[in-house]
Amino acid sequence: MENLLVLVQQFCLPVIERIHEIAHLPPQRDEIQKEMIDLIDSFSVFLRYLQPNVEPGQPHPCVSIIADSWPSVKRIIINYGRQQKLAEAGARFMRSSIISYRTFMGSILEEWANSLLEFFEMTGYGCWLWVCTKFVKLYGVSDTTRLAHGITERCTISFFKYVGQVTDIDTLDESKILLLNSSY
């Protein structure tokens, strides 16, 4: 298992290091947006396809890397997530992670649930609801049922607050309608 962790770190290290660097730069909107999107998407693709066989109950090397990089990814999303393409890259990262490492993500699930709602409330982008819906589907019937029910309730409340502010029905995209529909 240690060899696998070393291999994963070697492959991801340049991407993760650059994500950490960017996260700690003063906010620069246009100059590095494309690079941030590319880095987060590269990391997401890697996570989606790396599926080593890890025994249940053992720590997963990819989840360790996700947890270590999460503060920087979150900081980038908070600083730049109002740019829709970057928000979508962040949502793909989170979705790939929970799908690929579903049974190993327990240590960071609650923080991620709170972050998803924070990101939706910050931006109103449906991509965050898309990840919330996947979260609920994956964790709704497991040891984390309470968390999945909580995220459904909080997403629904956040969604209705958002809808209450909508003055143009065209701003409601499909993901927001689907989340509302799946809540009932």
N, C-alpha and C. Protein backbone atom coordinates (compact mmCIF):
# COMPACT_ATOMS: atom_id res chain seq x y z
N MET A 1 0.82 -1.19 0.00
CA MET A 1 0.00 0.00 0.00
C MET A 1 0.87 1.26 0.00
N GLU A 2 1.98 1.23 0.72
CA GLU A 2 2.86 2.40 0.75
C GLU A 2 3.40 2.71 -0.64
N ASN A 3 3.71 1.67 -1.42
CA ASN A 3 4.20 1.88 -2.78
C ASN A 3 3.15 2.57 -3.63
N LEU A 4 1.89 2.18 -3.44
CA LEU A 4 0.81 2.80 -4.18
C LEU A 4 0.69 4.28 -3.82
N LEU A 5 0.78 4.59 -2.55
CA LEU A 5 0.70 5.98 -2.11
C LEU A 5 1.84 6.80 -2.72
N VAL A 6 3.04 6.26 -2.74
CA VAL A 6 4.18 6.95 -3.33
C VAL A 6 3.94 7.18 -4.82
N LEU A 7 3.45 6.17 -5.53
CA LEU A 7 3.17 6.29 -6.95
C LEU A 7 2.11 7.36 -7.21
N VAL A 8 1.03 7.33 -6.42
CA VAL A 8 -0.04 8.32 -6.57
C VAL A 8 0.51 9.72 -6.32
N GLN A 9 1.30 9.87 -5.28
CA GLN A 9 1.86 11.18 -4.96
C GLN A 9 2.79 11.68 -6.07
N GLN A 10 3.59 10.79 -6.63
CA GLN A 10 4.51 11.20 -7.69
C GLN A 10 3.74 11.68 -8.92
N PHE A 11 2.67 11.00 -9.24
CA PHE A 11 1.90 11.37 -10.41
C PHE A 11 1.14 12.67 -10.18
N CYS A 12 0.56 12.80 -9.01
CA CYS A 12 -0.28 13.97 -8.70
C CYS A 12 0.51 15.16 -8.15
N LEU A 13 1.69 14.91 -7.64
CA LEU A 13 2.42 15.96 -6.92
C LEU A 13 2.56 17.27 -7.70
N PRO A 14 2.97 17.25 -8.97
CA PRO A 14 3.09 18.54 -9.67
C PRO A 14 1.75 19.29 -9.75
N VAL A 15 0.67 18.57 -9.98
CA VAL A 15 -0.65 19.19 -10.06
C VAL A 15 -1.04 19.75 -8.70
N ILE A 16 -0.87 18.94 -7.67
CA ILE A 16 -1.26 19.36 -6.31
C ILE A 16 -0.41 20.53 -5.84
N GLU A 17 0.89 20.49 -6.11
CA GLU A 17 1.75 21.60 -5.70
C GLU A 17 1.32 22.91 -6.35
N ARG A 18 0.97 22.85 -7.63
CA ARG A 18 0.53 24.07 -8.32
C ARG A 18 -0.82 24.54 -7.76
N ILE A 19 -1.72 23.61 -7.44
CA ILE A 19 -2.99 23.98 -6.81
C ILE A 19 -2.72 24.70 -5.49
N HIS A 20 -1.79 24.16 -4.69
CA HIS A 20 -1.44 24.81 -3.42
C HIS A 20 -0.86 26.21 -3.65
N GLU A 21 0.02 26.35 -4.66
CA GLU A 21 0.62 27.66 -4.97
C GLU A 21 -0.46 28.67 -5.35
N ILE A 22 -1.34 28.28 -6.25
CA ILE A 22 -2.38 29.18 -6.72
C ILE A 22 -3.31 29.58 -5.58
N ALA A 23 -3.61 28.63 -4.72
CA ALA A 23 -4.52 28.90 -3.60
C ALA A 23 -3.98 29.99 -2.68
N HIS A 24 -2.68 30.13 -2.63
CA HIS A 24 -2.09 31.10 -1.71
C HIS A 24 -1.61 32.38 -2.40
N LEU A 25 -1.93 32.52 -3.68
CA LEU A 25 -1.63 33.76 -4.39
C LEU A 25 -2.71 34.78 -4.07
N PRO A 26 -2.38 36.06 -4.17
CA PRO A 26 -3.44 37.07 -4.05
C PRO A 26 -4.44 36.86 -5.19
N PRO A 27 -5.71 37.11 -4.94
CA PRO A 27 -6.71 36.87 -5.99
C PRO A 27 -6.37 37.57 -7.30
N GLN A 28 -6.36 36.79 -8.36
CA GLN A 28 -6.12 37.27 -9.72
C GLN A 28 -7.19 36.64 -10.58
N ARG A 29 -8.09 37.39 -11.05
CA ARG A 29 -9.24 36.82 -11.75
C ARG A 29 -8.89 36.17 -13.09
N ASP A 30 -8.52 36.93 -14.05
CA ASP A 30 -8.41 36.41 -15.41
C ASP A 30 -7.10 35.69 -15.70
N GLU A 31 -6.04 36.10 -15.05
CA GLU A 31 -4.72 35.64 -15.42
C GLU A 31 -4.54 34.13 -15.28
N ILE A 32 -5.11 33.56 -14.25
CA ILE A 32 -4.84 32.14 -14.01
C ILE A 32 -6.10 31.28 -13.96
N GLN A 33 -7.23 31.83 -14.36
CA GLN A 33 -8.47 31.06 -14.29
C GLN A 33 -8.39 29.77 -15.11
N LYS A 34 -7.92 29.86 -16.35
CA LYS A 34 -7.85 28.67 -17.19
C LYS A 34 -6.91 27.62 -16.60
N GLU A 35 -5.79 28.07 -16.06
CA GLU A 35 -4.86 27.13 -15.43
C GLU A 35 -5.50 26.44 -14.23
N MET A 36 -6.24 27.19 -13.42
CA MET A 36 -6.91 26.59 -12.26
C MET A 36 -7.91 25.53 -12.69
N ILE A 37 -8.69 25.87 -13.71
CA ILE A 37 -9.68 24.91 -14.22
C ILE A 37 -8.98 23.66 -14.73
N ASP A 38 -7.93 23.84 -15.51
CA ASP A 38 -7.19 22.69 -16.05
C ASP A 38 -6.59 21.82 -14.95
N LEU A 39 -6.02 22.45 -13.93
CA LEU A 39 -5.42 21.69 -12.83
C LEU A 39 -6.47 20.89 -12.07
N ILE A 40 -7.57 21.53 -11.73
CA ILE A 40 -8.61 20.84 -10.97
C ILE A 40 -9.23 19.73 -11.82
N ASP A 41 -9.44 19.99 -13.11
CA ASP A 41 -9.97 18.94 -13.99
C ASP A 41 -8.98 17.78 -14.15
N SER A 42 -7.69 18.08 -14.26
CA SER A 42 -6.69 17.01 -14.36
C SER A 42 -6.71 16.14 -13.12
N PHE A 43 -6.78 16.76 -11.98
CA PHE A 43 -6.85 16.04 -10.71
C PHE A 43 -8.12 15.19 -10.67
N SER A 44 -9.24 15.72 -11.14
CA SER A 44 -10.51 14.99 -11.15
C SER A 44 -10.43 13.75 -12.04
N VAL A 45 -9.84 13.91 -13.22
CA VAL A 45 -9.71 12.78 -14.14
C VAL A 45 -8.85 11.69 -13.51
N PHE A 46 -7.76 12.10 -12.92
CA PHE A 46 -6.89 11.13 -12.25
C PHE A 46 -7.68 10.36 -11.19
N LEU A 47 -8.43 11.07 -10.38
CA LEU A 47 -9.19 10.43 -9.31
C LEU A 47 -10.29 9.52 -9.86
N ARG A 48 -10.87 9.90 -10.96
CA ARG A 48 -11.95 9.10 -11.55
C ARG A 48 -11.44 7.74 -12.03
N TYR A 49 -10.23 7.71 -12.56
CA TYR A 49 -9.76 6.48 -13.19
C TYR A 49 -8.80 5.66 -12.35
N LEU A 50 -8.24 6.21 -11.31
CA LEU A 50 -7.37 5.43 -10.44
C LEU A 50 -8.22 4.69 -9.43
N GLN A 51 -8.32 3.40 -9.60
CA GLN A 51 -9.17 2.59 -8.74
C GLN A 51 -8.38 1.40 -8.16
N PRO A 52 -7.40 1.66 -7.33
CA PRO A 52 -6.64 0.54 -6.77
C PRO A 52 -7.52 -0.27 -5.82
N ASN A 53 -7.19 -1.54 -5.70
CA ASN A 53 -7.93 -2.42 -4.81
C ASN A 53 -7.43 -2.20 -3.38
N VAL A 54 -8.28 -1.63 -2.55
CA VAL A 54 -7.95 -1.36 -1.17
C VAL A 54 -8.99 -2.07 -0.31
N GLU A 55 -8.51 -2.80 0.67
CA GLU A 55 -9.41 -3.54 1.55
C GLU A 55 -10.27 -2.59 2.36
N PRO A 56 -11.56 -2.94 2.54
CA PRO A 56 -12.42 -2.10 3.39
C PRO A 56 -11.81 -1.95 4.78
N GLY A 57 -11.93 -0.76 5.32
CA GLY A 57 -11.37 -0.49 6.64
C GLY A 57 -9.95 0.04 6.59
N GLN A 58 -9.28 -0.12 5.45
CA GLN A 58 -7.92 0.40 5.28
C GLN A 58 -7.99 1.82 4.72
N PRO A 59 -7.07 2.68 5.08
CA PRO A 59 -7.09 4.03 4.50
C PRO A 59 -6.76 3.97 3.01
N HIS A 60 -7.44 4.75 2.25
CA HIS A 60 -7.22 4.78 0.80
C HIS A 60 -6.22 5.89 0.48
N PRO A 61 -5.16 5.57 -0.28
CA PRO A 61 -4.15 6.59 -0.57
C PRO A 61 -4.71 7.79 -1.34
N CYS A 62 -5.67 7.56 -2.20
CA CYS A 62 -6.24 8.68 -2.96
C CYS A 62 -7.07 9.59 -2.05
N VAL A 63 -7.76 9.01 -1.09
CA VAL A 63 -8.55 9.83 -0.16
C VAL A 63 -7.61 10.66 0.71
N SER A 64 -6.47 10.11 1.05
CA SER A 64 -5.48 10.89 1.81
C SER A 64 -5.03 12.10 1.00
N ILE A 65 -4.79 11.91 -0.28
CA ILE A 65 -4.37 13.01 -1.15
C ILE A 65 -5.50 14.02 -1.31
N ILE A 66 -6.73 13.53 -1.46
CA ILE A 66 -7.88 14.43 -1.57
C ILE A 66 -8.00 15.28 -0.31
N ALA A 67 -7.91 14.62 0.85
CA ALA A 67 -8.03 15.35 2.13
C ALA A 67 -6.91 16.37 2.29
N ASP A 68 -5.69 16.01 1.88
CA ASP A 68 -4.56 16.94 2.00
C ASP A 68 -4.70 18.14 1.05
N SER A 69 -5.27 17.90 -0.12
CA SER A 69 -5.39 18.99 -1.09
C SER A 69 -6.68 19.79 -0.92
N TRP A 70 -7.63 19.26 -0.17
CA TRP A 70 -8.93 19.91 -0.04
C TRP A 70 -8.85 21.36 0.44
N PRO A 71 -8.07 21.70 1.47
CA PRO A 71 -8.05 23.10 1.90
C PRO A 71 -7.68 24.07 0.76
N SER A 72 -6.74 23.67 -0.08
CA SER A 72 -6.34 24.54 -1.19
C SER A 72 -7.41 24.60 -2.28
N VAL A 73 -8.00 23.45 -2.61
CA VAL A 73 -9.07 23.44 -3.61
C VAL A 73 -10.24 24.29 -3.11
N LYS A 74 -10.58 24.13 -1.84
CA LYS A 74 -11.68 24.90 -1.26
C LYS A 74 -11.38 26.40 -1.31
N ARG A 75 -10.17 26.75 -0.99
CA ARG A 75 -9.79 28.17 -1.01
C ARG A 75 -9.91 28.75 -2.42
N ILE A 76 -9.50 27.97 -3.42
CA ILE A 76 -9.63 28.42 -4.81
C ILE A 76 -11.10 28.59 -5.16
N ILE A 77 -11.94 27.64 -4.75
CA ILE A 77 -13.37 27.74 -5.04
C ILE A 77 -13.97 28.96 -4.36
N ILE A 78 -13.60 29.20 -3.12
CA ILE A 78 -14.12 30.37 -2.40
C ILE A 78 -13.67 31.66 -3.07
N ASN A 79 -12.40 31.72 -3.47
CA ASN A 79 -11.86 32.95 -4.08
C ASN A 79 -12.32 33.18 -5.52
N TYR A 80 -12.50 32.10 -6.28
CA TYR A 80 -12.77 32.23 -7.70
C TYR A 80 -14.05 31.54 -8.16
N GLY A 81 -14.76 30.91 -7.24
CA GLY A 81 -15.91 30.06 -7.60
C GLY A 81 -17.10 30.80 -8.16
N ARG A 82 -17.09 32.11 -8.13
CA ARG A 82 -18.19 32.85 -8.75
C ARG A 82 -18.06 32.85 -10.27
N GLN A 83 -16.91 32.41 -10.75
CA GLN A 83 -16.71 32.21 -12.18
C GLN A 83 -17.23 30.80 -12.48
N GLN A 84 -18.28 30.72 -13.27
CA GLN A 84 -19.01 29.48 -13.42
C GLN A 84 -18.15 28.31 -13.89
N LYS A 85 -17.25 28.51 -14.82
CA LYS A 85 -16.42 27.41 -15.31
C LYS A 85 -15.54 26.85 -14.20
N LEU A 86 -15.05 27.71 -13.33
CA LEU A 86 -14.25 27.23 -12.22
C LEU A 86 -15.13 26.48 -11.21
N ALA A 87 -16.31 26.99 -10.95
CA ALA A 87 -17.25 26.31 -10.05
C ALA A 87 -17.57 24.91 -10.59
N GLU A 88 -17.77 24.82 -11.88
CA GLU A 88 -18.07 23.52 -12.50
C GLU A 88 -16.90 22.56 -12.37
N ALA A 89 -15.68 23.06 -12.51
CA ALA A 89 -14.49 22.21 -12.32
C ALA A 89 -14.43 21.72 -10.88
N GLY A 90 -14.70 22.61 -9.92
CA GLY A 90 -14.72 22.21 -8.51
C GLY A 90 -15.80 21.18 -8.24
N ALA A 91 -16.95 21.34 -8.86
CA ALA A 91 -18.04 20.38 -8.68
C ALA A 91 -17.67 19.02 -9.28
N ARG A 92 -17.01 19.03 -10.44
CA ARG A 92 -16.57 17.75 -11.04
C ARG A 92 -15.56 17.06 -10.14
N PHE A 93 -14.66 17.84 -9.54
CA PHE A 93 -13.67 17.27 -8.61
C PHE A 93 -14.37 16.57 -7.45
N MET A 94 -15.34 17.25 -6.85
CA MET A 94 -16.03 16.67 -5.70
C MET A 94 -16.85 15.45 -6.12
N ARG A 95 -17.52 15.54 -7.24
CA ARG A 95 -18.34 14.42 -7.72
C ARG A 95 -17.47 13.21 -8.05
N SER A 96 -16.38 13.42 -8.76
CA SER A 96 -15.47 12.31 -9.08
C SER A 96 -14.95 11.63 -7.81
N SER A 97 -14.64 12.43 -6.83
CA SER A 97 -14.11 11.90 -5.58
C SER A 97 -15.12 11.03 -4.85
N ILE A 98 -16.36 11.53 -4.71
CA ILE A 98 -17.34 10.74 -3.95
C ILE A 98 -17.78 9.51 -4.72
N ILE A 99 -17.79 9.57 -6.04
CA ILE A 99 -18.15 8.38 -6.82
C ILE A 99 -17.02 7.35 -6.76
N SER A 100 -15.80 7.78 -6.96
CA SER A 100 -14.66 6.86 -7.04
C SER A 100 -14.30 6.24 -5.70
N TYR A 101 -14.46 6.98 -4.63
CA TYR A 101 -13.98 6.50 -3.32
C TYR A 101 -15.07 6.51 -2.28
N ARG A 102 -16.27 6.21 -2.72
CA ARG A 102 -17.48 6.28 -1.90
C ARG A 102 -17.30 5.72 -0.49
N THR A 103 -16.82 4.51 -0.38
CA THR A 103 -16.75 3.86 0.93
C THR A 103 -15.57 4.32 1.77
N PHE A 104 -14.69 5.10 1.20
CA PHE A 104 -13.49 5.53 1.92
C PHE A 104 -13.52 7.01 2.32
N MET A 105 -14.55 7.73 1.94
CA MET A 105 -14.59 9.19 2.10
C MET A 105 -15.11 9.64 3.46
N GLY A 106 -15.43 8.73 4.34
CA GLY A 106 -16.08 9.06 5.60
C GLY A 106 -15.47 10.20 6.38
N SER A 107 -14.15 10.29 6.39
CA SER A 107 -13.48 11.30 7.22
C SER A 107 -13.74 12.74 6.77
N ILE A 108 -14.11 12.93 5.51
CA ILE A 108 -14.30 14.30 5.04
C ILE A 108 -15.72 14.57 4.54
N LEU A 109 -16.62 13.61 4.67
CA LEU A 109 -17.96 13.78 4.11
C LEU A 109 -18.72 14.94 4.73
N GLU A 110 -18.69 15.06 6.03
CA GLU A 110 -19.47 16.12 6.66
C GLU A 110 -18.97 17.50 6.24
N GLU A 111 -17.65 17.65 6.19
CA GLU A 111 -17.09 18.93 5.74
C GLU A 111 -17.50 19.21 4.29
N TRP A 112 -17.47 18.16 3.45
CA TRP A 112 -17.85 18.35 2.05
C TRP A 112 -19.32 18.71 1.92
N ALA A 113 -20.18 18.07 2.71
CA ALA A 113 -21.60 18.39 2.66
C ALA A 113 -21.81 19.87 2.99
N ASN A 114 -21.15 20.35 4.03
CA ASN A 114 -21.26 21.76 4.40
C ASN A 114 -20.70 22.67 3.32
N SER A 115 -19.59 22.26 2.70
CA SER A 115 -18.98 23.06 1.64
C SER A 115 -19.88 23.14 0.42
N LEU A 116 -20.50 22.03 0.05
CA LEU A 116 -21.40 22.04 -1.11
C LEU A 116 -22.50 23.09 -0.93
N LEU A 117 -23.08 23.10 0.25
CA LEU A 117 -24.14 24.06 0.53
C LEU A 117 -23.60 25.50 0.56
N GLU A 118 -22.43 25.65 1.14
CA GLU A 118 -21.80 26.97 1.18
C GLU A 118 -21.54 27.48 -0.24
N PHE A 119 -21.05 26.60 -1.12
CA PHE A 119 -20.74 26.99 -2.49
C PHE A 119 -22.02 27.35 -3.25
N PHE A 120 -23.09 26.56 -3.04
CA PHE A 120 -24.35 26.89 -3.71
C PHE A 120 -24.88 28.23 -3.22
N GLU A 121 -24.86 28.44 -1.92
CA GLU A 121 -25.36 29.69 -1.37
C GLU A 121 -24.52 30.88 -1.85
N MET A 122 -23.22 30.65 -2.05
CA MET A 122 -22.33 31.71 -2.50
C MET A 122 -22.59 32.08 -3.97
N THR A 123 -22.91 31.07 -4.80
CA THR A 123 -22.97 31.30 -6.24
C THR A 123 -24.36 31.15 -6.86
N GLY A 124 -25.17 30.26 -6.30
CA GLY A 124 -26.46 29.94 -6.91
C GLY A 124 -26.32 29.03 -8.13
N TYR A 125 -25.12 28.47 -8.36
CA TYR A 125 -24.90 27.62 -9.53
C TYR A 125 -25.44 26.21 -9.29
N GLY A 126 -26.12 25.69 -10.29
CA GLY A 126 -26.71 24.36 -10.21
C GLY A 126 -25.70 23.23 -10.14
N CYS A 127 -24.46 23.49 -10.53
CA CYS A 127 -23.46 22.41 -10.49
C CYS A 127 -23.28 21.89 -9.06
N TRP A 128 -23.45 22.77 -8.07
CA TRP A 128 -23.31 22.33 -6.68
C TRP A 128 -24.49 21.46 -6.27
N LEU A 129 -25.68 21.75 -6.79
CA LEU A 129 -26.84 20.92 -6.50
C LEU A 129 -26.69 19.56 -7.19
N TRP A 130 -26.05 19.55 -8.34
CA TRP A 130 -25.78 18.31 -9.07
C TRP A 130 -24.94 17.37 -8.19
N VAL A 131 -23.92 17.92 -7.54
CA VAL A 131 -23.08 17.11 -6.64
C VAL A 131 -23.88 16.72 -5.40
N CYS A 132 -24.70 17.63 -4.88
CA CYS A 132 -25.54 17.30 -3.71
C CYS A 132 -26.46 16.12 -4.03
N THR A 133 -27.04 16.14 -5.22
CA THR A 133 -27.93 15.04 -5.63
C THR A 133 -27.17 13.73 -5.66
N LYS A 134 -25.98 13.71 -6.22
CA LYS A 134 -25.16 12.50 -6.25
C LYS A 134 -24.79 12.07 -4.84
N PHE A 135 -24.46 13.02 -4.00
CA PHE A 135 -24.13 12.75 -2.60
C PHE A 135 -25.29 12.03 -1.92
N VAL A 136 -26.48 12.55 -2.10
CA VAL A 136 -27.66 11.96 -1.46
C VAL A 136 -27.91 10.56 -2.01
N LYS A 137 -27.77 10.38 -3.32
CA LYS A 137 -27.99 9.06 -3.92
C LYS A 137 -26.97 8.04 -3.41
N LEU A 138 -25.72 8.45 -3.26
CA LEU A 138 -24.67 7.52 -2.83
C LEU A 138 -24.71 7.21 -1.34
N TYR A 139 -25.04 8.20 -0.54
CA TYR A 139 -24.94 8.04 0.91
C TYR A 139 -26.29 8.01 1.61
N GLY A 140 -27.37 8.00 0.86
CA GLY A 140 -28.70 8.03 1.46
C GLY A 140 -29.11 6.76 2.16
N VAL A 141 -28.52 5.65 1.82
CA VAL A 141 -28.85 4.37 2.45
C VAL A 141 -27.58 3.68 2.92
N SER A 142 -26.94 4.31 3.90
CA SER A 142 -25.72 3.75 4.45
C SER A 142 -25.55 4.29 5.86
N ASP A 143 -24.36 4.14 6.40
CA ASP A 143 -24.08 4.66 7.73
C ASP A 143 -24.19 6.18 7.79
N THR A 144 -24.18 6.81 6.65
CA THR A 144 -24.22 8.27 6.60
C THR A 144 -25.61 8.78 6.22
N THR A 145 -26.64 7.98 6.45
CA THR A 145 -28.01 8.37 6.10
C THR A 145 -28.39 9.69 6.74
N ARG A 146 -28.05 9.88 8.00
CA ARG A 146 -28.37 11.13 8.70
C ARG A 146 -27.77 12.32 7.97
N LEU A 147 -26.54 12.16 7.53
CA LEU A 147 -25.87 13.25 6.81
C LEU A 147 -26.55 13.51 5.47
N ALA A 148 -26.92 12.45 4.76
CA ALA A 148 -27.60 12.60 3.47
C ALA A 148 -28.95 13.28 3.64
N HIS A 149 -29.69 12.90 4.68
CA HIS A 149 -30.99 13.55 4.93
C HIS A 149 -30.78 15.02 5.29
N GLY A 150 -29.75 15.30 6.07
CA GLY A 150 -29.45 16.68 6.44
C GLY A 150 -29.11 17.52 5.24
N ILE A 151 -28.32 16.96 4.32
CA ILE A 151 -27.95 17.74 3.13
C ILE A 151 -29.17 17.95 2.24
N THR A 152 -30.07 16.97 2.17
CA THR A 152 -31.29 17.15 1.38
C THR A 152 -32.13 18.28 1.95
N GLU A 153 -32.29 18.27 3.27
CA GLU A 153 -33.08 19.31 3.92
C GLU A 153 -32.44 20.69 3.71
N ARG A 154 -31.15 20.77 3.95
CA ARG A 154 -30.47 22.06 3.82
C ARG A 154 -30.43 22.55 2.37
N CYS A 155 -30.26 21.61 1.42
CA CYS A 155 -30.27 21.99 0.00
C CYS A 155 -31.64 22.52 -0.39
N THR A 156 -32.67 21.86 0.08
CA THR A 156 -34.02 22.29 -0.25
C THR A 156 -34.29 23.69 0.31
N ILE A 157 -33.89 23.93 1.55
CA ILE A 157 -34.06 25.26 2.16
C ILE A 157 -33.27 26.30 1.37
N SER A 158 -32.00 25.99 1.06
CA SER A 158 -31.17 26.92 0.28
C SER A 158 -31.77 27.18 -1.10
N PHE A 159 -32.29 26.12 -1.69
CA PHE A 159 -32.89 26.25 -3.01
C PHE A 159 -34.11 27.16 -2.97
N PHE A 160 -34.97 26.96 -1.99
CA PHE A 160 -36.16 27.81 -1.90
C PHE A 160 -35.80 29.26 -1.60
N LYS A 161 -34.77 29.47 -0.80
CA LYS A 161 -34.29 30.84 -0.58
C LYS A 161 -33.84 31.44 -1.91
N TYR A 162 -33.10 30.63 -2.68
CA TYR A 162 -32.62 31.09 -3.98
C TYR A 162 -33.79 31.40 -4.90
N VAL A 163 -34.78 30.48 -4.96
CA VAL A 163 -35.94 30.67 -5.83
C VAL A 163 -36.70 31.93 -5.43
N GLY A 164 -36.76 32.19 -4.13
CA GLY A 164 -37.44 33.39 -3.65
C GLY A 164 -36.79 34.67 -4.15
N GLN A 165 -35.53 34.60 -4.51
CA GLN A 165 -34.80 35.78 -5.01
C GLN A 165 -34.84 35.88 -6.53
N VAL A 166 -35.32 34.83 -7.20
CA VAL A 166 -35.31 34.78 -8.66
C VAL A 166 -36.39 35.70 -9.20
N THR A 167 -36.00 36.55 -10.11
CA THR A 167 -36.97 37.43 -10.75
C THR A 167 -37.23 37.02 -12.19
N ASP A 168 -36.38 36.12 -12.70
CA ASP A 168 -36.53 35.65 -14.08
C ASP A 168 -36.49 34.13 -14.06
N ILE A 169 -37.57 33.49 -14.45
CA ILE A 169 -37.68 32.03 -14.41
C ILE A 169 -36.60 31.35 -15.25
N ASP A 170 -36.07 32.03 -16.24
CA ASP A 170 -35.03 31.45 -17.10
C ASP A 170 -33.73 31.19 -16.34
N THR A 171 -33.56 31.78 -15.15
CA THR A 171 -32.33 31.55 -14.39
C THR A 171 -32.36 30.21 -13.65
N LEU A 172 -33.50 29.54 -13.63
CA LEU A 172 -33.59 28.22 -13.00
C LEU A 172 -33.15 27.18 -14.01
N ASP A 173 -31.95 26.64 -13.83
CA ASP A 173 -31.48 25.63 -14.77
C ASP A 173 -31.97 24.24 -14.35
N GLU A 174 -31.71 23.27 -15.21
CA GLU A 174 -32.23 21.92 -15.02
C GLU A 174 -31.80 21.29 -13.71
N SER A 175 -30.57 21.50 -13.27
CA SER A 175 -30.10 20.85 -12.04
C SER A 175 -30.88 21.33 -10.83
N LYS A 176 -31.29 22.60 -10.83
CA LYS A 176 -32.07 23.11 -9.70
C LYS A 176 -33.47 22.50 -9.70
N ILE A 177 -34.05 22.36 -10.86
CA ILE A 177 -35.38 21.74 -10.95
C ILE A 177 -35.29 20.26 -10.55
N LEU A 178 -34.25 19.56 -10.99
CA LEU A 178 -34.09 18.14 -10.65
C LEU A 178 -33.92 17.94 -9.15
N LEU A 179 -33.14 18.80 -8.49
CA LEU A 179 -32.98 18.67 -7.05
C LEU A 179 -34.31 18.86 -6.34
N LEU A 180 -35.06 19.85 -6.75
CA LEU A 180 -36.37 20.11 -6.16
C LEU A 180 -37.27 18.90 -6.36
N ASN A 181 -37.23 18.34 -7.56
CA ASN A 181 -38.05 17.18 -7.89
C ASN A 181 -37.65 15.96 -7.06
N SER A 182 -36.34 15.75 -6.85
CA SER A 182 -35.89 14.56 -6.11
C SER A 182 -36.11 14.70 -4.62
N SER A 183 -36.46 15.89 -4.15
CA SER A 183 -36.70 16.10 -2.72
C SER A 183 -38.04 15.56 -2.29
N TYR A 184 -38.91 15.29 -3.25
CA TYR A 184 -40.26 14.83 -2.89
C TYR A 184 -40.46 13.38 -3.19
